[in-house]
Amino acid sequence: MNSRNLPVSHVEGGWTIGIGWSRKVVILASVLNILALLFIILSILNFTPFTLLASVSIGGALMGTAIFLYIIVVFSDLRRRNVL
């Protein structure tokens, strides 16, 4: 089986990459993670009290939200596979 015949949501061996809402949540979490990293890099490039505050508050909140979303997807996948 080559990659052209392979559906987007399946890989060989029966493992699924993400189905439905979980794929959207992972994409949202990754975008939030990238935005959080941009806020952190902003404070490194332009070190002022405002950028430091934005890095800690906004960047930290975005990264915390992204981690929480990743954990939700992992636990729901484990429950779907009857591991938990």
N, C-alpha and C. Protein backbone atom coordinates (compact mmCIF):
# COMPACT_ATOMS: atom_id res chain seq x y z
N MET A 1 0.85 -1.18 0.00
CA MET A 1 0.00 0.00 0.00
C MET A 1 0.90 1.24 0.00
N ASN A 2 0.69 2.10 -0.94
CA ASN A 2 1.47 3.33 -0.98
C ASN A 2 0.72 4.47 -0.31
N SER A 3 1.36 5.60 -0.19
CA SER A 3 0.77 6.72 0.55
C SER A 3 -0.40 7.36 -0.19
N ARG A 4 -0.53 7.16 -1.48
CA ARG A 4 -1.66 7.76 -2.21
C ARG A 4 -2.97 7.04 -1.90
N ASN A 5 -2.92 5.75 -1.62
CA ASN A 5 -4.13 4.99 -1.30
C ASN A 5 -4.47 5.05 0.18
N LEU A 6 -3.61 5.60 0.98
CA LEU A 6 -3.79 5.60 2.43
C LEU A 6 -4.72 6.74 2.83
N PRO A 7 -5.80 6.45 3.57
CA PRO A 7 -6.67 7.53 4.03
C PRO A 7 -5.92 8.45 4.99
N VAL A 8 -6.38 9.68 5.11
CA VAL A 8 -5.71 10.67 5.93
C VAL A 8 -5.73 10.28 7.40
N SER A 9 -6.80 9.66 7.86
CA SER A 9 -6.94 9.38 9.28
C SER A 9 -6.37 8.03 9.71
N HIS A 10 -5.82 7.24 8.79
CA HIS A 10 -5.29 5.93 9.15
C HIS A 10 -3.86 5.77 8.67
N VAL A 11 -3.09 5.01 9.44
CA VAL A 11 -1.76 4.61 9.03
C VAL A 11 -1.71 3.09 9.11
N GLU A 12 -0.65 2.49 8.60
CA GLU A 12 -0.56 1.03 8.63
C GLU A 12 -0.51 0.54 10.06
N GLY A 13 -1.10 -0.60 10.30
CA GLY A 13 -1.13 -1.17 11.64
C GLY A 13 -2.40 -0.83 12.40
N GLY A 14 -3.31 -0.06 11.81
CA GLY A 14 -4.58 0.23 12.44
C GLY A 14 -4.59 1.42 13.37
N TRP A 15 -3.47 2.08 13.57
CA TRP A 15 -3.45 3.26 14.45
C TRP A 15 -4.06 4.44 13.73
N THR A 16 -4.86 5.21 14.44
CA THR A 16 -5.47 6.39 13.84
C THR A 16 -4.75 7.64 14.31
N ILE A 17 -4.58 8.59 13.43
CA ILE A 17 -3.90 9.84 13.75
C ILE A 17 -4.82 10.78 14.51
N GLY A 18 -6.06 10.80 14.17
CA GLY A 18 -7.01 11.68 14.84
C GLY A 18 -8.31 11.67 14.06
N ILE A 19 -9.39 11.51 14.76
CA ILE A 19 -10.68 11.41 14.08
C ILE A 19 -11.59 12.51 14.61
N GLY A 20 -12.17 13.27 13.71
CA GLY A 20 -13.19 14.24 14.07
C GLY A 20 -12.70 15.35 14.97
N TRP A 21 -13.31 15.45 16.15
CA TRP A 21 -13.05 16.58 17.04
C TRP A 21 -11.64 16.54 17.60
N SER A 22 -11.04 15.37 17.78
CA SER A 22 -9.71 15.31 18.38
C SER A 22 -8.66 15.95 17.48
N ARG A 23 -8.81 15.79 16.17
CA ARG A 23 -7.87 16.42 15.25
C ARG A 23 -7.98 17.95 15.33
N LYS A 24 -9.21 18.44 15.43
CA LYS A 24 -9.41 19.89 15.53
C LYS A 24 -8.86 20.43 16.84
N VAL A 25 -9.03 19.67 17.92
CA VAL A 25 -8.51 20.11 19.22
C VAL A 25 -6.99 20.12 19.21
N VAL A 26 -6.36 19.13 18.59
CA VAL A 26 -4.90 19.10 18.51
C VAL A 26 -4.38 20.26 17.67
N ILE A 27 -5.06 20.58 16.58
CA ILE A 27 -4.66 21.71 15.75
C ILE A 27 -4.81 23.01 16.53
N LEU A 28 -5.92 23.17 17.26
CA LEU A 28 -6.11 24.36 18.09
C LEU A 28 -5.04 24.47 19.16
N ALA A 29 -4.72 23.36 19.81
CA ALA A 29 -3.69 23.38 20.85
C ALA A 29 -2.32 23.72 20.28
N SER A 30 -2.02 23.23 19.10
CA SER A 30 -0.73 23.54 18.50
C SER A 30 -0.63 25.01 18.11
N VAL A 31 -1.74 25.59 17.62
CA VAL A 31 -1.74 27.02 17.29
C VAL A 31 -1.57 27.85 18.56
N LEU A 32 -2.26 27.47 19.64
CA LEU A 32 -2.09 28.17 20.92
C LEU A 32 -0.67 28.06 21.43
N ASN A 33 -0.06 26.89 21.25
CA ASN A 33 1.31 26.69 21.67
C ASN A 33 2.28 27.58 20.89
N ILE A 34 2.06 27.70 19.60
CA ILE A 34 2.92 28.56 18.77
C ILE A 34 2.76 30.02 19.16
N LEU A 35 1.53 30.45 19.41
CA LEU A 35 1.31 31.84 19.85
C LEU A 35 1.98 32.10 21.19
N ALA A 36 1.90 31.14 22.11
CA ALA A 36 2.56 31.30 23.41
C ALA A 36 4.07 31.41 23.24
N LEU A 37 4.63 30.61 22.37
CA LEU A 37 6.08 30.70 22.14
C LEU A 37 6.46 32.02 21.50
N LEU A 38 5.60 32.56 20.64
CA LEU A 38 5.87 33.87 20.06
C LEU A 38 5.89 34.97 21.12
N PHE A 39 4.98 34.90 22.09
CA PHE A 39 5.00 35.86 23.19
C PHE A 39 6.28 35.73 24.02
N ILE A 40 6.74 34.52 24.22
CA ILE A 40 7.97 34.31 24.99
C ILE A 40 9.17 34.85 24.22
N ILE A 41 9.22 34.60 22.92
CA ILE A 41 10.32 35.10 22.10
C ILE A 41 10.28 36.62 22.03
N LEU A 42 9.09 37.20 22.03
CA LEU A 42 8.96 38.66 22.01
C LEU A 42 9.64 39.28 23.22
N SER A 43 9.49 38.67 24.38
CA SER A 43 10.12 39.24 25.57
C SER A 43 11.64 39.07 25.53
N ILE A 44 12.12 38.07 24.82
CA ILE A 44 13.57 37.91 24.69
C ILE A 44 14.14 38.93 23.72
N LEU A 45 13.46 39.18 22.61
CA LEU A 45 13.96 40.11 21.61
C LEU A 45 13.84 41.57 22.03
N ASN A 46 12.73 41.91 22.70
CA ASN A 46 12.50 43.29 23.12
C ASN A 46 12.18 43.25 24.62
N PHE A 47 13.22 43.32 25.44
CA PHE A 47 13.06 43.15 26.88
C PHE A 47 12.63 44.45 27.54
N THR A 48 11.33 44.56 27.74
CA THR A 48 10.76 45.69 28.47
C THR A 48 9.81 45.11 29.52
N PRO A 49 9.41 45.90 30.49
CA PRO A 49 8.45 45.38 31.48
C PRO A 49 7.13 44.92 30.84
N PHE A 50 6.66 45.62 29.81
CA PHE A 50 5.42 45.23 29.16
C PHE A 50 5.55 43.88 28.46
N THR A 51 6.63 43.67 27.71
CA THR A 51 6.80 42.39 27.01
C THR A 51 7.04 41.25 28.00
N LEU A 52 7.71 41.54 29.10
CA LEU A 52 7.91 40.52 30.12
C LEU A 52 6.57 40.13 30.76
N LEU A 53 5.74 41.11 31.02
CA LEU A 53 4.41 40.85 31.59
C LEU A 53 3.55 40.08 30.60
N ALA A 54 3.60 40.46 29.33
CA ALA A 54 2.82 39.74 28.30
C ALA A 54 3.32 38.31 28.15
N SER A 55 4.63 38.13 28.24
CA SER A 55 5.20 36.80 28.11
C SER A 55 4.73 35.90 29.24
N VAL A 56 4.77 36.41 30.45
CA VAL A 56 4.41 35.59 31.60
C VAL A 56 2.90 35.35 31.66
N SER A 57 2.13 36.40 31.49
CA SER A 57 0.68 36.26 31.67
C SER A 57 0.01 35.65 30.44
N ILE A 58 0.12 36.29 29.29
CA ILE A 58 -0.57 35.81 28.10
C ILE A 58 0.06 34.52 27.57
N GLY A 59 1.38 34.52 27.48
CA GLY A 59 2.07 33.32 27.00
C GLY A 59 1.86 32.12 27.90
N GLY A 60 1.90 32.36 29.21
CA GLY A 60 1.67 31.27 30.15
C GLY A 60 0.25 30.73 30.09
N ALA A 61 -0.72 31.63 29.95
CA ALA A 61 -2.11 31.19 29.86
C ALA A 61 -2.36 30.40 28.57
N LEU A 62 -1.79 30.87 27.47
CA LEU A 62 -1.97 30.15 26.20
C LEU A 62 -1.30 28.78 26.26
N MET A 63 -0.12 28.71 26.84
CA MET A 63 0.57 27.43 26.92
C MET A 63 -0.14 26.47 27.88
N GLY A 64 -0.65 27.00 28.98
CA GLY A 64 -1.41 26.16 29.90
C GLY A 64 -2.67 25.61 29.27
N THR A 65 -3.35 26.45 28.49
CA THR A 65 -4.56 25.99 27.79
C THR A 65 -4.21 24.92 26.76
N ALA A 66 -3.11 25.10 26.04
CA ALA A 66 -2.70 24.12 25.05
C ALA A 66 -2.37 22.78 25.70
N ILE A 67 -1.66 22.81 26.81
CA ILE A 67 -1.33 21.57 27.51
C ILE A 67 -2.59 20.88 28.01
N PHE A 68 -3.54 21.66 28.53
CA PHE A 68 -4.81 21.09 29.00
C PHE A 68 -5.56 20.42 27.84
N LEU A 69 -5.57 21.04 26.66
CA LEU A 69 -6.23 20.45 25.50
C LEU A 69 -5.54 19.17 25.05
N TYR A 70 -4.20 19.16 25.08
CA TYR A 70 -3.46 17.94 24.74
C TYR A 70 -3.83 16.81 25.71
N ILE A 71 -3.92 17.11 26.99
CA ILE A 71 -4.25 16.09 27.99
C ILE A 71 -5.66 15.55 27.77
N ILE A 72 -6.60 16.42 27.42
CA ILE A 72 -7.97 15.97 27.13
C ILE A 72 -7.99 14.99 25.96
N VAL A 73 -7.24 15.30 24.91
CA VAL A 73 -7.22 14.42 23.73
C VAL A 73 -6.57 13.08 24.07
N VAL A 74 -5.49 13.10 24.84
CA VAL A 74 -4.82 11.85 25.20
C VAL A 74 -5.73 10.97 26.05
N PHE A 75 -6.38 11.55 27.06
CA PHE A 75 -7.26 10.75 27.90
C PHE A 75 -8.47 10.22 27.13
N SER A 76 -9.02 11.03 26.24
CA SER A 76 -10.16 10.54 25.46
C SER A 76 -9.73 9.43 24.51
N ASP A 77 -8.53 9.50 23.97
CA ASP A 77 -8.02 8.45 23.09
C ASP A 77 -7.78 7.17 23.90
N LEU A 78 -7.23 7.31 25.09
CA LEU A 78 -7.01 6.13 25.92
C LEU A 78 -8.33 5.49 26.33
N ARG A 79 -9.34 6.30 26.60
CA ARG A 79 -10.66 5.75 26.95
C ARG A 79 -11.30 5.07 25.75
N ARG A 80 -11.09 5.64 24.56
CA ARG A 80 -11.66 5.06 23.34
C ARG A 80 -11.01 3.71 23.04
N ARG A 81 -9.74 3.56 23.38
CA ARG A 81 -9.03 2.31 23.16
C ARG A 81 -9.18 1.33 24.32
N ASN A 82 -10.01 1.66 25.30
CA ASN A 82 -10.28 0.83 26.48
C ASN A 82 -9.03 0.55 27.31
N VAL A 83 -8.13 1.53 27.36
CA VAL A 83 -6.96 1.41 28.22
C VAL A 83 -7.31 1.93 29.61
N LEU A 84 -8.10 2.98 29.69
CA LEU A 84 -8.54 3.52 30.97
C LEU A 84 -9.98 3.15 31.24
